[in-house]
Protein backbone atom coordinates (compact mmCIF):
# COMPACT_ATOMS: atom_id res chain seq x y z
CA MET A 1 -29.53 35.54 -51.67
CA GLY A 2 -27.32 35.71 -48.59
CA ASP A 3 -30.36 36.42 -46.67
CA LYS A 4 -32.21 33.35 -47.92
CA LEU A 5 -28.89 30.95 -47.41
CA LEU A 6 -28.57 32.30 -43.20
CA LYS A 7 -32.23 31.57 -42.87
CA LEU A 8 -31.88 27.69 -44.55
CA LEU A 9 -29.12 27.42 -42.31
CA LEU A 10 -30.97 28.25 -39.31
CA LEU A 11 -33.36 26.18 -40.10
CA PHE A 12 -31.40 23.23 -40.57
CA LEU A 13 -29.58 23.70 -37.46
CA THR A 14 -32.86 24.23 -35.68
CA LEU A 15 -34.20 20.89 -36.83
CA SER A 16 -30.81 19.16 -36.36
CA TRP A 17 -30.82 20.33 -32.43
CA THR A 18 -34.57 18.94 -32.27
CA LEU A 19 -33.79 15.77 -33.30
CA PHE A 20 -30.79 15.17 -31.57
CA ALA A 21 -32.48 16.30 -28.18
CA GLN A 22 -35.17 13.87 -28.91
CA THR A 23 -32.55 11.15 -29.56
CA ASN A 24 -30.72 12.17 -26.09
CA ARG A 25 -34.00 12.15 -24.12
CA GLU A 26 -34.79 8.51 -25.47
CA TRP A 27 -31.75 7.27 -24.07
CA ILE A 28 -31.85 9.01 -21.01
CA ASP A 29 -35.66 7.35 -20.65
CA THR A 30 -34.06 4.26 -21.58
CA MET A 31 -31.02 4.41 -18.96
CA VAL A 32 -33.66 5.47 -16.39
CA ASP A 33 -36.10 2.78 -16.95
CA SER A 34 -33.11 -0.01 -16.85
CA ILE A 35 -32.08 1.83 -13.19
CA ALA A 36 -35.64 1.52 -12.13
CA GLN A 37 -35.86 -2.13 -12.26
CA SER A 38 -35.98 -4.26 -9.29
CA ARG A 39 -32.79 -5.76 -7.82
CA GLN A 40 -32.30 -8.69 -5.54
CA GLY A 41 -29.85 -8.34 -2.71
CA VAL A 42 -28.36 -10.62 -0.55
CA ASP A 43 -30.24 -13.13 1.34
CA THR A 44 -30.57 -11.73 5.10
CA THR A 45 -29.71 -15.35 6.58
CA LEU A 46 -26.74 -15.58 4.60
CA LEU A 47 -25.89 -11.42 6.11
CA SER A 48 -26.49 -12.87 9.91
CA SER A 49 -24.22 -15.73 9.10
CA LEU A 50 -21.18 -13.78 8.11
CA LYS A 51 -18.52 -12.67 10.92
CA ASP A 52 -17.97 -9.02 11.93
CA PRO A 53 -15.35 -7.78 10.45
CA PHE A 54 -14.70 -5.17 13.25
CA VAL A 55 -13.03 -5.97 16.60
CA THR A 56 -13.08 -3.86 19.94
CA GLN A 57 -10.14 -3.02 21.77
CA GLU A 58 -11.25 -5.18 24.52
CA GLN A 59 -11.61 -7.90 21.77
CA LEU A 60 -7.99 -7.57 20.96
CA GLU A 61 -6.85 -7.55 24.57
CA GLU A 62 -8.28 -10.91 24.93
CA ALA A 63 -7.35 -12.52 22.26
CA PRO A 64 -4.65 -11.24 20.34
CA LEU A 65 -4.89 -11.74 16.50
CA SER A 66 -2.73 -14.81 15.24
CA LYS A 67 -0.19 -13.80 12.68
CA PRO A 68 -1.11 -14.74 8.93
CA SER A 69 1.28 -17.85 7.69
CA ASN A 70 2.74 -15.79 4.96
CA ALA A 71 3.60 -12.61 7.32
CA ARG A 72 7.54 -11.88 7.31
CA THR A 73 9.34 -11.95 10.98
CA TYR A 74 11.74 -9.06 11.87
CA SER A 75 12.94 -10.67 15.10
CA ALA A 76 16.53 -10.65 15.44
CA SER A 77 18.28 -13.86 15.05
CA LYS A 78 21.66 -14.66 16.24
CA PRO A 79 24.32 -15.69 13.57
CA LYS A 80 25.28 -19.18 13.73
CA SER A 81 28.55 -18.50 14.57
CA SER A 82 30.10 -15.83 17.02
CA ASN A 83 33.09 -15.59 14.12
CA GLN A 84 30.40 -15.30 11.51
CA ALA A 85 31.16 -12.20 8.87
CA LEU A 86 28.76 -9.70 9.50
CA VAL A 87 27.35 -8.21 6.08
CA LEU A 88 25.21 -5.13 5.58
CA SER A 89 22.81 -5.53 2.64
CA ALA A 90 20.22 -3.29 3.05
CA ILE A 91 18.96 -0.38 4.82
CA PHE A 92 14.88 0.41 4.89
CA ASN A 93 12.70 2.28 7.10
CA ASN A 94 14.93 2.28 10.05
CA ARG A 95 15.84 -1.47 9.92
CA ALA A 96 19.13 -2.98 8.85
CA LYS A 97 19.47 -6.12 6.68
CA ILE A 98 22.47 -7.90 7.99
CA ASN A 99 23.46 -11.49 7.03
CA ASN A 100 19.87 -11.95 5.39
CA ASN A 101 17.99 -11.19 8.84
CA TRP A 102 16.59 -7.91 9.60
CA TYR A 103 17.43 -5.72 12.54
CA THR A 104 16.31 -2.24 14.27
CA ILE A 105 18.04 -0.52 16.88
CA GLY A 106 18.68 -2.37 20.52
CA ASP A 107 18.57 -5.77 18.35
CA SER A 108 21.26 -8.23 19.27
CA ILE A 109 23.49 -9.60 16.57
CA GLY A 110 25.82 -12.20 17.94
CA ASN A 111 28.09 -10.71 20.71
CA TYR A 112 27.28 -6.91 19.16
CA THR A 113 24.33 -4.73 19.71
CA LEU A 114 22.68 -2.17 16.85
CA LYS A 115 23.17 1.07 18.42
CA LYS A 116 22.58 3.28 15.28
CA ILE A 117 21.43 3.30 11.67
CA GLU A 118 22.56 5.85 9.32
CA ASN A 119 22.49 6.65 5.64
CA GLY A 120 24.20 3.57 4.42
CA GLN A 121 25.77 2.35 7.41
CA VAL A 122 25.11 0.92 10.60
CA HIS A 123 27.15 0.82 14.26
CA LEU A 124 27.36 -2.31 16.21
CA LYS A 125 28.65 -2.14 19.96
CA LYS A 126 29.98 -5.26 22.23
CA LYS A 127 29.73 -4.75 26.00
CA ASP A 128 33.33 -4.16 26.25
CA ASN A 129 32.72 -1.00 24.23
CA THR A 130 34.23 -2.63 21.12
CA SER A 131 32.84 -1.27 18.19
CA ILE A 132 32.55 -1.80 14.36
CA LEU A 133 30.57 0.15 11.65
CA LEU A 134 29.25 -1.61 8.58
CA THR A 135 28.60 -0.15 5.41
CA LEU A 136 26.75 -0.95 2.36
CA ALA A 137 28.87 -2.27 -0.04
CA ARG A 138 27.56 -0.21 -3.15
CA PRO A 139 24.69 1.89 -2.03
CA ASN A 140 21.64 2.44 -4.67
CA LYS A 141 21.49 6.01 -5.88
CA LYS A 142 18.81 5.67 -8.36
CA ILE A 143 16.61 4.97 -5.18
CA LYS A 144 15.39 7.74 -2.77
CA LEU A 145 12.72 7.63 -0.89
CA GLU A 146 11.36 10.70 1.20
CA ALA A 147 9.16 11.48 3.64
CA LYS A 148 7.29 14.75 3.42
């Protein structure tokens, strides 16, 4: 009895596998047929009218790229008054945000020059060697960026 049951089970599995393989083969044939259909590409006149997106070094030197209208400017600007309080609000990527303007080392801020940017503080110096240290009011300890 056990031998007959085993043969019956083996026969059932063989028929199931054959039926599944046939269904799978039909599905693959359908997919290949759909891929094999001819497709229409872009018209060559349209392609030839497109501007080349790549530029050479010579083209860059001849006509520098114009700045997009939404680009941010990171150039140093002087405070409205030399007596205006200097407030350091952020430091990121070796730039310091002082009075809502971004500065980098060597930029002038009023009568001062930005000499050093460190973790949470910046050093400013006047021509007469008077220096001040600006620190972040409350450094954010939750966000840490590290370069690897």
